[in-house]
């Protein structure tokens, strides 16, 4: 009986450790579209497990960032981009469902939606 209880205890511990160390669903490389007041802007968004990342597009160049947080399927981060010579802080809040990401960027010019798919 002690072996059975001990076995269940070990199995439970292994399952808990496995769940705690899983990669957040937002980690990866995403093809996204930003729906800005000036039109749709395609970009690539890279999110790393350590909270670092990169957002890049032809119009904005490449902008690295740190401090992304993952809470289940939810993602939050801020990135500073160069928009035609003007520095602009974009604050992202969104969520992942499978291989799709949806959310919005908050900016000094208002909020705009973002949607994309995993590469």
PDB file of N, CA and C in Angstrom:
ATOM      1  N   UNK A   1       0.827  -1.199   0.000  1.00  0.00           N
ATOM      2  CA  UNK A   1       0.000   0.000   0.000  1.00  0.00           C
ATOM      3  C   UNK A   1       0.870   1.262   0.000  1.00  0.00           C
ATOM      4  N   UNK A   2       1.975   1.226   0.780  1.00  0.00           N
ATOM      5  CA  UNK A   2       2.867   2.374   0.827  1.00  0.00           C
ATOM      6  C   UNK A   2       3.492   2.622  -0.545  1.00  0.00           C
ATOM      7  N   UNK A   3       3.793   1.566  -1.287  1.00  0.00           N
ATOM      8  CA  UNK A   3       4.376   1.716  -2.624  1.00  0.00           C
ATOM      9  C   UNK A   3       3.387   2.376  -3.584  1.00  0.00           C
ATOM     10  N   UNK A   4       2.119   2.017  -3.465  1.00  0.00           N
ATOM     11  CA  UNK A   4       1.091   2.604  -4.333  1.00  0.00           C
ATOM     12  C   UNK A   4       0.944   4.091  -4.029  1.00  0.00           C
ATOM     13  N   UNK A   5       0.843   4.452  -2.767  1.00  0.00           N
ATOM     14  CA  UNK A   5       0.708   5.861  -2.375  1.00  0.00           C
ATOM     15  C   UNK A   5       1.959   6.636  -2.778  1.00  0.00           C
ATOM     16  N   UNK A   6       3.130   6.046  -2.552  1.00  0.00           N
ATOM     17  CA  UNK A   6       4.385   6.690  -2.945  1.00  0.00           C
ATOM     18  C   UNK A   6       4.452   6.892  -4.445  1.00  0.00           C
ATOM     19  N   UNK A   7       4.001   5.900  -5.206  1.00  0.00           N
ATOM     20  CA  UNK A   7       3.989   6.000  -6.666  1.00  0.00           C
ATOM     21  C   UNK A   7       3.075   7.118  -7.142  1.00  0.00           C
ATOM     22  N   UNK A   8       1.897   7.236  -6.562  1.00  0.00           N
ATOM     23  CA  UNK A   8       0.969   8.308  -6.922  1.00  0.00           C
ATOM     24  C   UNK A   8       1.536   9.675  -6.562  1.00  0.00           C
ATOM     25  N   UNK A   9       2.215   9.734  -5.437  1.00  0.00           N
ATOM     26  CA  UNK A   9       2.826  10.995  -5.022  1.00  0.00           C
ATOM     27  C   UNK A   9       3.911  11.418  -6.013  1.00  0.00           C
ATOM     28  N   UNK A  10       4.760  10.489  -6.424  1.00  0.00           N
ATOM     29  CA  UNK A  10       5.815  10.792  -7.394  1.00  0.00           C
ATOM     30  C   UNK A  10       5.210  11.190  -8.738  1.00  0.00           C
ATOM     31  N   UNK A  11       4.204  10.463  -9.193  1.00  0.00           N
ATOM     32  CA  UNK A  11       3.543  10.780 -10.460  1.00  0.00           C
ATOM     33  C   UNK A  11       2.911  12.171 -10.408  1.00  0.00           C
ATOM     34  N   UNK A  12       2.258  12.508  -9.315  1.00  0.00           N
ATOM     35  CA  UNK A  12       1.645  13.835  -9.158  1.00  0.00           C
ATOM     36  C   UNK A  12       2.695  14.933  -9.195  1.00  0.00           C
ATOM     37  N   UNK A  13       3.817  14.698  -8.535  1.00  0.00           N
ATOM     38  CA  UNK A  13       4.891  15.679  -8.515  1.00  0.00           C
ATOM     39  C   UNK A  13       5.467  15.883  -9.911  1.00  0.00           C
ATOM     40  N   UNK A  14       5.673  14.808 -10.647  1.00  0.00           N
ATOM     41  CA  UNK A  14       6.200  14.906 -12.017  1.00  0.00           C
ATOM     42  C   UNK A  14       5.236  15.700 -12.898  1.00  0.00           C
ATOM     43  N   UNK A  15       3.943  15.443 -12.774  1.00  0.00           N
ATOM     44  CA  UNK A  15       2.949  16.168 -13.570  1.00  0.00           C
ATOM     45  C   UNK A  15       2.943  17.654 -13.229  1.00  0.00           C
ATOM     46  N   UNK A  16       3.033  17.988 -11.952  1.00  0.00           N
ATOM     47  CA  UNK A  16       3.048  19.391 -11.547  1.00  0.00           C
ATOM     48  C   UNK A  16       4.287  20.114 -12.061  1.00  0.00           C
ATOM     49  N   UNK A  17       5.436  19.495 -11.971  1.00  0.00           N
ATOM     50  CA  UNK A  17       6.666  20.106 -12.469  1.00  0.00           C
ATOM     51  C   UNK A  17       6.585  20.284 -13.981  1.00  0.00           C
ATOM     52  N   UNK A  18       6.058  19.315 -14.688  1.00  0.00           N
ATOM     53  CA  UNK A  18       5.905  19.406 -16.143  1.00  0.00           C
ATOM     54  C   UNK A  18       4.994  20.544 -16.549  1.00  0.00           C
ATOM     55  N   UNK A  19       3.908  20.735 -15.813  1.00  0.00           N
ATOM     56  CA  UNK A  19       2.983  21.824 -16.117  1.00  0.00           C
ATOM     57  C   UNK A  19       3.604  23.180 -15.824  1.00  0.00           C
ATOM     58  N   UNK A  20       4.361  23.271 -14.752  1.00  0.00           N
ATOM     59  CA  UNK A  20       4.959  24.544 -14.351  1.00  0.00           C
ATOM     60  C   UNK A  20       6.040  24.989 -15.320  1.00  0.00           C
ATOM     61  N   UNK A  21       6.685  24.077 -15.992  1.00  0.00           N
ATOM     62  CA  UNK A  21       7.801  24.455 -16.856  1.00  0.00           C
ATOM     63  C   UNK A  21       7.421  24.498 -18.333  1.00  0.00           C
ATOM     64  N   UNK A  22       6.142  24.472 -18.651  1.00  0.00           N
ATOM     65  CA  UNK A  22       5.746  24.481 -20.057  1.00  0.00           C
ATOM     66  C   UNK A  22       5.940  25.873 -20.663  1.00  0.00           C
ATOM     67  N   UNK A  23       6.167  25.908 -21.945  1.00  0.00           N
ATOM     68  CA  UNK A  23       6.373  27.155 -22.674  1.00  0.00           C
ATOM     69  C   UNK A  23       5.042  27.880 -22.825  1.00  0.00           C
ATOM     70  N   UNK A  24       4.999  29.197 -22.544  1.00  0.00           N
ATOM     71  CA  UNK A  24       3.756  29.948 -22.737  1.00  0.00           C
ATOM     72  C   UNK A  24       3.294  29.878 -24.187  1.00  0.00           C
ATOM     73  N   UNK A  25       1.984  29.833 -24.426  1.00  0.00           N
ATOM     74  CA  UNK A  25       1.475  29.692 -25.799  1.00  0.00           C
ATOM     75  C   UNK A  25       1.807  30.865 -26.710  1.00  0.00           C
ATOM     76  N   UNK A  26       2.168  32.022 -26.173  1.00  0.00           N
ATOM     77  CA  UNK A  26       2.486  33.176 -27.007  1.00  0.00           C
ATOM     78  C   UNK A  26       3.890  33.176 -27.567  1.00  0.00           C
ATOM     79  N   UNK A  27       4.734  32.290 -27.071  1.00  0.00           N
ATOM     80  CA  UNK A  27       6.118  32.241 -27.531  1.00  0.00           C
ATOM     81  C   UNK A  27       6.167  31.761 -28.975  1.00  0.00           C
ATOM     82  N   UNK A  28       6.923  32.475 -29.812  1.00  0.00           N
ATOM     83  CA  UNK A  28       7.072  32.082 -31.207  1.00  0.00           C
ATOM     84  C   UNK A  28       7.222  33.285 -32.112  1.00  0.00           C
ATOM     85  N   UNK A  29       7.158  33.029 -33.403  1.00  0.00           N
ATOM     86  CA  UNK A  29       7.251  34.079 -34.416  1.00  0.00           C
ATOM     87  C   UNK A  29       5.879  34.198 -35.071  1.00  0.00           C
ATOM     88  N   UNK A  30       5.386  35.432 -35.146  1.00  0.00           N
ATOM     89  CA  UNK A  30       4.033  35.707 -35.608  1.00  0.00           C
ATOM     90  C   UNK A  30       4.051  36.672 -36.793  1.00  0.00           C
ATOM     91  N   UNK A  31       3.250  36.384 -37.802  1.00  0.00           N
ATOM     92  CA  UNK A  31       2.972  37.337 -38.873  1.00  0.00           C
ATOM     93  C   UNK A  31       1.721  38.089 -38.448  1.00  0.00           C
ATOM     94  N   UNK A  32       1.848  39.405 -38.225  1.00  0.00           N
ATOM     95  CA  UNK A  32       0.724  40.186 -37.718  1.00  0.00           C
ATOM     96  C   UNK A  32       0.397  41.339 -38.654  1.00  0.00           C
ATOM     97  N   UNK A  33      -0.820  41.831 -38.513  1.00  0.00           N
ATOM     98  CA  UNK A  33      -1.266  43.031 -39.215  1.00  0.00           C
ATOM     99  C   UNK A  33      -1.749  44.020 -38.174  1.00  0.00           C
ATOM    100  N   UNK A  34      -1.181  45.222 -38.202  1.00  0.00           N
ATOM    101  CA  UNK A  34      -1.590  46.301 -37.332  1.00  0.00           C
ATOM    102  C   UNK A  34      -2.547  47.182 -38.110  1.00  0.00           C
ATOM    103  N   UNK A  35      -3.733  47.380 -37.597  1.00  0.00           N
ATOM    104  CA  UNK A  35      -4.742  48.202 -38.273  1.00  0.00           C
ATOM    105  C   UNK A  35      -4.654  49.621 -37.728  1.00  0.00           C
ATOM    106  N   UNK A  36      -3.730  50.414 -38.287  1.00  0.00           N
ATOM    107  CA  UNK A  36      -3.443  51.764 -37.812  1.00  0.00           C
ATOM    108  C   UNK A  36      -4.382  52.774 -38.454  1.00  0.00           C
ATOM    109  N   UNK A  37      -4.426  53.990 -37.913  1.00  0.00           N
ATOM    110  CA  UNK A  37      -5.239  55.039 -38.553  1.00  0.00           C
ATOM    111  C   UNK A  37      -4.784  55.357 -39.981  1.00  0.00           C
ATOM    112  N   UNK A  38      -3.533  54.986 -40.316  1.00  0.00           N
ATOM    113  CA  UNK A  38      -3.022  55.240 -41.662  1.00  0.00           C
ATOM    114  C   UNK A  38      -3.151  54.040 -42.592  1.00  0.00           C
ATOM    115  N   UNK A  39      -3.788  52.973 -42.118  1.00  0.00           N
ATOM    116  CA  UNK A  39      -3.975  51.786 -42.928  1.00  0.00           C
ATOM    117  C   UNK A  39      -3.365  50.555 -42.279  1.00  0.00           C
ATOM    118  N   UNK A  40      -3.453  49.439 -42.969  1.00  0.00           N
ATOM    119  CA  UNK A  40      -2.944  48.168 -42.460  1.00  0.00           C
ATOM    120  C   UNK A  40      -1.435  48.101 -42.629  1.00  0.00           C
ATOM    121  N   UNK A  41      -0.755  47.686 -41.565  1.00  0.00           N
ATOM    122  CA  UNK A  41       0.695  47.594 -41.570  1.00  0.00           C
ATOM    123  C   UNK A  41       1.099  46.160 -41.229  1.00  0.00           C
ATOM    124  N   UNK A  42       1.666  45.422 -42.197  1.00  0.00           N
ATOM    125  CA  UNK A  42       2.135  44.071 -41.896  1.00  0.00           C
ATOM    126  C   UNK A  42       3.439  44.136 -41.102  1.00  0.00           C
ATOM    127  N   UNK A  43       3.615  43.192 -40.164  1.00  0.00           N
ATOM    128  CA  UNK A  43       4.831  43.156 -39.347  1.00  0.00           C
ATOM    129  C   UNK A  43       5.092  41.724 -38.896  1.00  0.00           C
ATOM    130  N   UNK A  44       6.285  41.520 -38.391  1.00  0.00           N
ATOM    131  CA  UNK A  44       6.656  40.242 -37.783  1.00  0.00           C
ATOM    132  C   UNK A  44       6.912  40.501 -36.311  1.00  0.00           C
ATOM    133  N   UNK A  45       6.330  39.666 -35.475  1.00  0.00           N
ATOM    134  CA  UNK A  45       6.473  39.784 -34.030  1.00  0.00           C
ATOM    135  C   UNK A  45       7.102  38.502 -33.504  1.00  0.00           C
ATOM    136  N   UNK A  46       8.219  38.647 -32.800  1.00  0.00           N
ATOM    137  CA  UNK A  46       8.894  37.502 -32.194  1.00  0.00           C
ATOM    138  C   UNK A  46       8.810  37.635 -30.686  1.00  0.00           C
ATOM    139  N   UNK A  47       8.271  36.617 -30.021  1.00  0.00           N
ATOM    140  CA  UNK A  47       8.154  36.597 -28.566  1.00  0.00           C
ATOM    141  C   UNK A  47       8.955  35.421 -28.023  1.00  0.00           C
ATOM    142  N   UNK A  48       9.891  35.719 -27.127  1.00  0.00           N
ATOM    143  CA  UNK A  48      10.729  34.694 -26.509  1.00  0.00           C
ATOM    144  C   UNK A  48      10.239  34.378 -25.104  1.00  0.00           C
ATOM    145  N   UNK A  49      10.546  33.182 -24.656  1.00  0.00           N
ATOM    146  CA  UNK A  49      10.079  32.714 -23.352  1.00  0.00           C
ATOM    147  C   UNK A  49      10.568  33.592 -22.211  1.00  0.00           C
ATOM    148  N   UNK A  50      11.739  34.228 -22.355  1.00  0.00           N
ATOM    149  CA  UNK A  50      12.290  35.066 -21.291  1.00  0.00           C
ATOM    150  C   UNK A  50      11.693  36.474 -21.258  1.00  0.00           C
ATOM    151  N   UNK A  51      10.711  36.764 -22.119  1.00  0.00           N
ATOM    152  CA  UNK A  51      10.056  38.069 -22.128  1.00  0.00           C
ATOM    153  C   UNK A  51      10.680  39.067 -23.089  1.00  0.00           C
ATOM    154  N   UNK A  52      11.744  38.668 -23.768  1.00  0.00           N
ATOM    155  CA  UNK A  52      12.331  39.547 -24.772  1.00  0.00           C
ATOM    156  C   UNK A  52      11.643  39.294 -26.107  1.00  0.00           C
ATOM    157  N   UNK A  53      11.875  40.186 -27.054  1.00  0.00           N
ATOM    158  CA  UNK A  53      11.278  39.988 -28.358  1.00  0.00           C
ATOM    159  C   UNK A  53      11.720  41.032 -29.351  1.00  0.00           C
ATOM    160  N   UNK A  54      11.105  40.976 -30.527  1.00  0.00           N
ATOM    161  CA  UNK A  54      11.424  41.888 -31.610  1.00  0.00           C
ATOM    162  C   UNK A  54      10.162  42.098 -32.440  1.00  0.00           C
ATOM    163  N   UNK A  55       9.923  43.362 -32.795  1.00  0.00           N
ATOM    164  CA  UNK A  55       8.857  43.659 -33.741  1.00  0.00           C
ATOM    165  C   UNK A  55       9.506  44.335 -34.934  1.00  0.00           C
ATOM    166  N   UNK A  56       9.177  43.879 -36.126  1.00  0.00           N
ATOM    167  CA  UNK A  56       9.789  44.445 -37.308  1.00  0.00           C
ATOM    168  C   UNK A  56       8.832  44.574 -38.467  1.00  0.00           C
ATOM    169  N   UNK A  57       9.032  45.628 -39.240  1.00  0.00           N
ATOM    170  CA  UNK A  57       8.266  45.827 -40.469  1.00  0.00           C
ATOM    171  C   UNK A  57       9.084  46.726 -41.392  1.00  0.00           C
ATOM    172  N   UNK A  58       8.696  46.776 -42.661  1.00  0.00           N
ATOM    173  CA  UNK A  58       9.384  47.638 -43.619  1.00  0.00           C
ATOM    174  C   UNK A  58       9.271  49.110 -43.213  1.00  0.00           C
ATOM    175  N   UNK A  59       8.109  49.520 -42.709  1.00  0.00           N
ATOM    176  CA  UNK A  59       7.883  50.917 -42.358  1.00  0.00           C
ATOM    177  C   UNK A  59       8.484  51.310 -41.004  1.00  0.00           C
ATOM    178  N   UNK A  60       8.525  50.367 -40.046  1.00  0.00           N
ATOM    179  CA  UNK A  60       8.977  50.691 -38.687  1.00  0.00           C
ATOM    180  C   UNK A  60      10.391  50.219 -38.394  1.00  0.00           C
ATOM    181  N   UNK A  61      10.991  49.455 -39.299  1.00  0.00           N
ATOM    182  CA  UNK A  61      12.296  48.863 -39.009  1.00  0.00           C
ATOM    183  C   UNK A  61      12.140  47.767 -37.959  1.00  0.00           C
ATOM    184  N   UNK A  62      13.233  47.477 -37.250  1.00  0.00           N
ATOM    185  CA  UNK A  62      13.181  46.456 -36.206  1.00  0.00           C
ATOM    186  C   UNK A  62      13.305  47.115 -34.852  1.00  0.00           C
ATOM    187  N   UNK A  63      12.440  46.709 -33.921  1.00  0.00           N
ATOM    188  CA  UNK A  63      12.427  47.296 -32.585  1.00  0.00           C
ATOM    189  C   UNK A  63      12.464  46.176 -31.547  1.00  0.00           C
ATOM    190  N   UNK A  64      13.585  46.040 -30.826  1.00  0.00           N
ATOM    191  CA  UNK A  64      13.656  45.035 -29.772  1.00  0.00           C
ATOM    192  C   UNK A  64      12.913  45.517 -28.522  1.00  0.00           C
ATOM    193  N   UNK A  65      12.485  44.567 -27.692  1.00  0.00           N
ATOM    194  CA  UNK A  65      11.841  44.920 -26.430  1.00  0.00           C
ATOM    195  C   UNK A  65      12.115  43.834 -25.394  1.00  0.00           C
ATOM    196  N   UNK A  66      11.939  44.192 -24.148  1.00  0.00           N
ATOM    197  CA  UNK A  66      12.040  43.285 -23.004  1.00  0.00           C
ATOM    198  C   UNK A  66      10.818  43.491 -22.136  1.00  0.00           C
ATOM    199  N   UNK A  67      10.567  42.554 -21.250  1.00  0.00           N
ATOM    200  CA  UNK A  67       9.506  42.729 -20.268  1.00  0.00           C
ATOM    201  C   UNK A  67       8.147  42.205 -20.666  1.00  0.00           C
ATOM    202  N   UNK A  68       8.061  41.416 -21.726  1.00  0.00           N
ATOM    203  CA  UNK A  68       6.773  40.814 -22.074  1.00  0.00           C
ATOM    204  C   UNK A  68       6.372  39.857 -20.955  1.00  0.00           C
ATOM    205  N   UNK A  69       5.103  39.876 -20.600  1.00  0.00           N
ATOM    206  CA  UNK A  69       4.603  38.955 -19.583  1.00  0.00           C
ATOM    207  C   UNK A  69       3.529  38.067 -20.190  1.00  0.00           C
ATOM    208  N   UNK A  70       3.497  36.837 -19.707  1.00  0.00           N
ATOM    209  CA  UNK A  70       2.546  35.839 -20.167  1.00  0.00           C
ATOM    210  C   UNK A  70       1.721  35.391 -18.966  1.00  0.00           C
ATOM    211  N   UNK A  71       0.413  35.426 -19.093  1.00  0.00           N
ATOM    212  CA  UNK A  71      -0.490  34.940 -18.052  1.00  0.00           C
ATOM    213  C   UNK A  71      -1.496  34.025 -18.738  1.00  0.00           C
ATOM    214  N   UNK A  72      -1.198  32.732 -18.729  1.00  0.00           N
ATOM    215  CA  UNK A  72      -2.029  31.801 -19.496  1.00  0.00           C
ATOM    216  C   UNK A  72      -1.891  32.133 -20.965  1.00  0.00           C
ATOM    217  N   UNK A  73      -3.004  32.424 -21.632  1.00  0.00           N
ATOM    218  CA  UNK A  73      -2.986  32.781 -23.059  1.00  0.00           C
ATOM    219  C   UNK A  73      -2.800  34.277 -23.289  1.00  0.00           C
ATOM    220  N   UNK A  74      -2.776  35.070 -22.219  1.00  0.00           N
ATOM    221  CA  UNK A  74      -2.678  36.524 -22.350  1.00  0.00           C
ATOM    222  C   UNK A  74      -1.226  36.982 -22.437  1.00  0.00           C
ATOM    223  N   UNK A  75      -1.009  38.031 -23.222  1.00  0.00           N
ATOM    224  CA  UNK A  75       0.326  38.604 -23.437  1.00  0.00           C
ATOM    225  C   UNK A  75       0.231  40.108 -23.245  1.00  0.00           C
ATOM    226  N   UNK A  76       1.245  40.675 -22.581  1.00  0.00           N
ATOM    227  CA  UNK A  76       1.352  42.125 -22.409  1.00  0.00           C
ATOM    228  C   UNK A  76       2.807  42.516 -22.625  1.00  0.00           C
ATOM    229  N   UNK A  77       3.048  43.552 -23.414  1.00  0.00           N
ATOM    230  CA  UNK A  77       4.400  44.092 -23.571  1.00  0.00           C
ATOM    231  C   UNK A  77       4.313  45.494 -24.148  1.00  0.00           C
ATOM    232  N   UNK A  78       5.426  46.218 -24.044  1.00  0.00           N
ATOM    233  CA  UNK A  78       5.551  47.551 -24.639  1.00  0.00           C
ATOM    234  C   UNK A  78       6.773  47.555 -25.538  1.00  0.00           C
ATOM    235  N   UNK A  79       6.658  48.258 -26.654  1.00  0.00           N
ATOM    236  CA  UNK A  79       7.770  48.369 -27.597  1.00  0.00           C
ATOM    237  C   UNK A  79       7.833  49.803 -28.106  1.00  0.00           C
ATOM    238  N   UNK A  80       9.041  50.322 -28.224  1.00  0.00           N
ATOM    239  CA  UNK A  80       9.263  51.668 -28.742  1.00  0.00           C
ATOM    240  C   UNK A  80       9.684  51.555 -30.205  1.00  0.00           C
ATOM    241  N   UNK A  81       8.923  52.200 -31.095  1.00  0.00           N
ATOM    242  CA  UNK A  81       9.213  52.125 -32.529  1.00  0.00           C
ATOM    243  C   UNK A  81       9.505  53.515 -33.073  1.00  0.00           C
ATOM    244  N   UNK A  82      10.168  53.542 -34.216  1.00  0.00           N
ATOM    245  CA  UNK A  82      10.451  54.780 -34.924  1.00  0.00           C
ATOM    246  C   UNK A  82       9.456  54.882 -36.073  1.00  0.00           C
ATOM    247  N   UNK A  83       8.502  55.794 -35.942  1.00  0.00           N
ATOM    248  CA  UNK A  83       7.474  55.973 -36.967  1.00  0.00           C
ATOM    249  C   UNK A  83       7.767  57.256 -37.728  1.00  0.00           C
ATOM    250  N   UNK A  84       8.464  57.133 -38.846  1.00  0.00           N
ATOM    251  CA  UNK A  84       8.813  58.253 -39.721  1.00  0.00           C
ATOM    252  C   UNK A  84       9.535  59.361 -38.955  1.00  0.00           C
ATOM    253  N   UNK A  85      10.546  58.957 -38.168  1.00  0.00           N
ATOM    254  CA  UNK A  85      11.351  59.901 -37.419  1.00  0.00           C
ATOM    255  C   UNK A  85      10.803  60.280 -36.059  1.00  0.00           C
ATOM    256  N   UNK A  86       9.635  59.785 -35.712  1.00  0.00           N
ATOM    257  CA  UNK A  86       9.025  60.078 -34.414  1.00  0.00           C
ATOM    258  C   UNK A  86       9.029  58.809 -33.567  1.00  0.00           C
ATOM    259  N   UNK A  87       9.512  58.900 -32.336  1.00  0.00           N
ATOM    260  CA  UNK A  87       9.503  57.759 -31.431  1.00  0.00           C
ATOM    261  C   UNK A  87       8.091  57.578 -30.884  1.00  0.00           C
ATOM    262  N   UNK A  88       7.612  56.352 -30.951  1.00  0.00           N
ATOM    263  CA  UNK A  88       6.249  56.041 -30.536  1.00  0.00           C
ATOM    264  C   UNK A  88       6.271  54.809 -29.640  1.00  0.00           C
ATOM    265  N   UNK A  89       5.674  54.920 -28.446  1.00  0.00           N
ATOM    266  CA  UNK A  89       5.571  53.781 -27.530  1.00  0.00           C
ATOM    267  C   UNK A  89       4.240  53.080 -27.796  1.00  0.00           C
ATOM    268  N   UNK A  90       4.323  51.778 -28.063  1.00  0.00           N
ATOM    269  CA  UNK A  90       3.136  50.961 -28.306  1.00  0.00           C
ATOM    270  C   UNK A  90       2.996  49.958 -27.175  1.00  0.00           C
ATOM    271  N   UNK A  91       1.825  49.921 -26.549  1.00  0.00           N
ATOM    272  CA  UNK A  91       1.542  49.008 -25.441  1.00  0.00           C
ATOM    273  C   UNK A  91       0.574  47.936 -25.915  1.00  0.00           C
ATOM    274  N   UNK A  92       1.059  46.687 -25.997  1.00  0.00           N
ATOM    275  CA  UNK A  92       0.253  45.588 -26.517  1.00  0.00           C
ATOM    276  C   UNK A  92      -0.443  44.830 -25.390  1.00  0.00           C
ATOM    277  N   UNK A  93      -1.704  44.527 -25.584  1.00  0.00           N
ATOM    278  CA  UNK A  93      -2.437  43.578 -24.755  1.00  0.00           C
ATOM    279  C   UNK A  93      -3.194  42.667 -25.708  1.00  0.00           C
ATOM    280  N   UNK A  94      -3.066  41.372 -25.514  1.00  0.00           N
ATOM    281  CA  UNK A  94      -3.735  40.442 -26.408  1.00  0.00           C
ATOM    282  C   UNK A  94      -3.722  39.034 -25.869  1.00  0.00           C
ATOM    283  N   UNK A  95      -4.206  38.121 -26.689  1.00  0.00           N
ATOM    284  CA  UNK A  95      -4.251  36.721 -26.276  1.00  0.00           C
ATOM    285  C   UNK A  95      -4.051  35.811 -27.475  1.00  0.00           C
ATOM    286  N   UNK A  96      -3.638  34.599 -27.156  1.00  0.00           N
ATOM    287  CA  UNK A  96      -3.371  33.567 -28.153  1.00  0.00           C
ATOM    288  C   UNK A  96      -4.437  32.491 -28.046  1.00  0.00           C
ATOM    289  N   UNK A  97      -4.927  32.064 -29.191  1.00  0.00           N
ATOM    290  CA  UNK A  97      -5.826  30.913 -29.281  1.00  0.00           C
ATOM    291  C   UNK A  97      -5.264  30.015 -30.367  1.00  0.00           C
ATOM    292  N   UNK A  98      -4.587  28.945 -29.957  1.00  0.00           N
ATOM    293  CA  UNK A  98      -3.959  28.049 -30.928  1.00  0.00           C
ATOM    294  C   UNK A  98      -2.847  28.762 -31.656  1.00  0.00           C
ATOM    295  N   UNK A  99      -2.973  28.883 -32.983  1.00  0.00           N
ATOM    296  CA  UNK A  99      -1.966  29.556 -33.792  1.00  0.00           C
ATOM    297  C   UNK A  99      -2.416  30.940 -34.240  1.00  0.00           C
ATOM    298  N   UNK A 100      -3.340  31.546 -33.494  1.00  0.00           N
ATOM    299  CA  UNK A 100      -3.815  32.899 -33.795  1.00  0.00           C
ATOM    300  C   UNK A 100      -3.572  33.811 -32.595  1.00  0.00           C
ATOM    301  N   UNK A 101      -3.207  35.043 -32.885  1.00  0.00           N
ATOM    302  CA  UNK A 101      -3.043  36.054 -31.844  1.00  0.00           C
ATOM    303  C   UNK A 101      -3.913  37.246 -32.220  1.00  0.00           C
ATOM    304  N   UNK A 102      -4.600  37.805 -31.217  1.00  0.00           N
ATOM    305  CA  UNK A 102      -5.437  38.981 -31.412  1.00  0.00           C
ATOM    306  C   UNK A 102      -5.254  39.902 -30.219  1.00  0.00           C
ATOM    307  N   UNK A 103      -5.295  41.192 -30.483  1.00  0.00           N
ATOM    308  CA  UNK A 103      -5.160  42.144 -29.397  1.00  0.00           C
ATOM    309  C   UNK A 103      -5.205  43.556 -29.922  1.00  0.00           C
ATOM    310  N   UNK A 104      -4.609  44.446 -29.137  1.00  0.00           N
ATOM    311  CA  UNK A 104      -4.547  45.833 -29.560  1.00  0.00           C
ATOM    312  C   UNK A 104      -3.300  46.494 -29.021  1.00  0.00           C
ATOM    313  N   UNK A 105      -2.846  47.478 -29.762  1.00  0.00           N
ATOM    314  CA  UNK A 105      -1.760  48.346 -29.329  1.00  0.00           C
ATOM    315  C   UNK A 105      -2.380  49.654 -28.884  1.00  0.00           C
ATOM    316  N   UNK A 106      -2.019  50.089 -27.700  1.00  0.00           N
ATOM    317  CA  UNK A 106      -2.385  51.416 -27.242  1.00  0.00           C
ATOM    318  C   UNK A 106      -1.256  52.363 -27.600  1.00  0.00           C
ATOM    319  N   UNK A 107      -1.597  53.569 -28.065  1.00  0.00           N
ATOM    320  CA  UNK A 107      -0.583  54.548 -28.441  1.00  0.00           C
ATOM    321  C   UNK A 107      -1.107  55.941 -28.114  1.00  0.00           C
ATOM    322  N   UNK A 108      -0.251  56.935 -28.300  1.00  0.00           N
ATOM    323  CA  UNK A 108      -0.660  58.324 -28.103  1.00  0.00           C
ATOM    324  C   UNK A 108      -1.740  58.736 -29.098  1.00  0.00           C
ATOM    325  N   UNK A 109      -1.871  57.994 -30.186  1.00  0.00           N
ATOM    326  CA  UNK A 109      -2.845  58.314 -31.227  1.00  0.00           C
ATOM    327  C   UNK A 109      -4.089  57.443 -31.139  1.00  0.00           C
ATOM    328  N   UNK A 110      -4.264  56.763 -30.021  1.00  0.00           N
ATOM    329  CA  UNK A 110      -5.410  55.885 -29.827  1.00  0.00           C
ATOM    330  C   UNK A 110      -5.016  54.426 -29.949  1.00  0.00           C
ATOM    331  N   UNK A 111      -5.993  53.564 -29.770  1.00  0.00           N
ATOM    332  CA  UNK A 111      -5.773  52.124 -29.843  1.00  0.00           C
ATOM    333  C   UNK A 111      -6.028  51.640 -31.259  1.00  0.00           C
ATOM    334  N   UNK A 112      -5.274  50.607 -31.653  1.00  0.00           N
ATOM    335  CA  UNK A 112      -5.558  49.961 -32.929  1.00  0.00           C
ATOM    336  C   UNK A 112      -5.375  48.461 -32.796  1.00  0.00           C
ATOM    337  N   UNK A 113      -6.181  47.733 -33.535  1.00  0.00           N
ATOM    338  CA  UNK A 113      -6.228  46.279 -33.405  1.00  0.00           C
ATOM    339  C   UNK A 113      -5.059  45.611 -34.113  1.00  0.00           C
ATOM    340  N   UNK A 114      -4.748  44.415 -33.620  1.00  0.00           N
ATOM    341  CA  UNK A 114      -3.680  43.592 -34.168  1.00  0.00           C
ATOM    342  C   UNK A 114      -4.205  42.168 -34.273  1.00  0.00           C
ATOM    343  N   UNK A 115      -3.934  41.515 -35.375  1.00  0.00           N
ATOM    344  CA  UNK A 115      -4.278  40.092 -35.513  1.00  0.00           C
ATOM    345  C   UNK A 115      -3.163  39.425 -36.292  1.00  0.00           C
ATOM    346  N   UNK A 116      -2.990  38.121 -36.047  1.00  0.00           N
ATOM    347  CA  UNK A 116      -1.935  37.432 -36.758  1.00  0.00           C
ATOM    348  C   UNK A 116      -1.959  35.940 -36.558  1.00  0.00           C
ATOM    349  N   UNK A 117      -1.041  35.284 -37.258  1.00  0.00           N
ATOM    350  CA  UNK A 117      -0.911  33.831 -37.173  1.00  0.00           C
ATOM    351  C   UNK A 117       0.547  33.460 -36.943  1.00  0.00           C
ATOM    352  N   UNK A 118       0.730  32.315 -36.312  1.00  0.00           N
ATOM    353  CA  UNK A 118       2.060  31.801 -36.035  1.00  0.00           C
ATOM    354  C   UNK A 118       2.729  31.348 -37.335  1.00  0.00           C
ATOM    355  N   UNK A 119       4.025  31.633 -37.490  1.00  0.00           N
ATOM    356  CA  UNK A 119       4.771  31.155 -38.659  1.00  0.00           C
ATOM    357  C   UNK A 119       5.051  29.681 -38.525  1.00  0.00           C
TER     358      UNK A 119
END
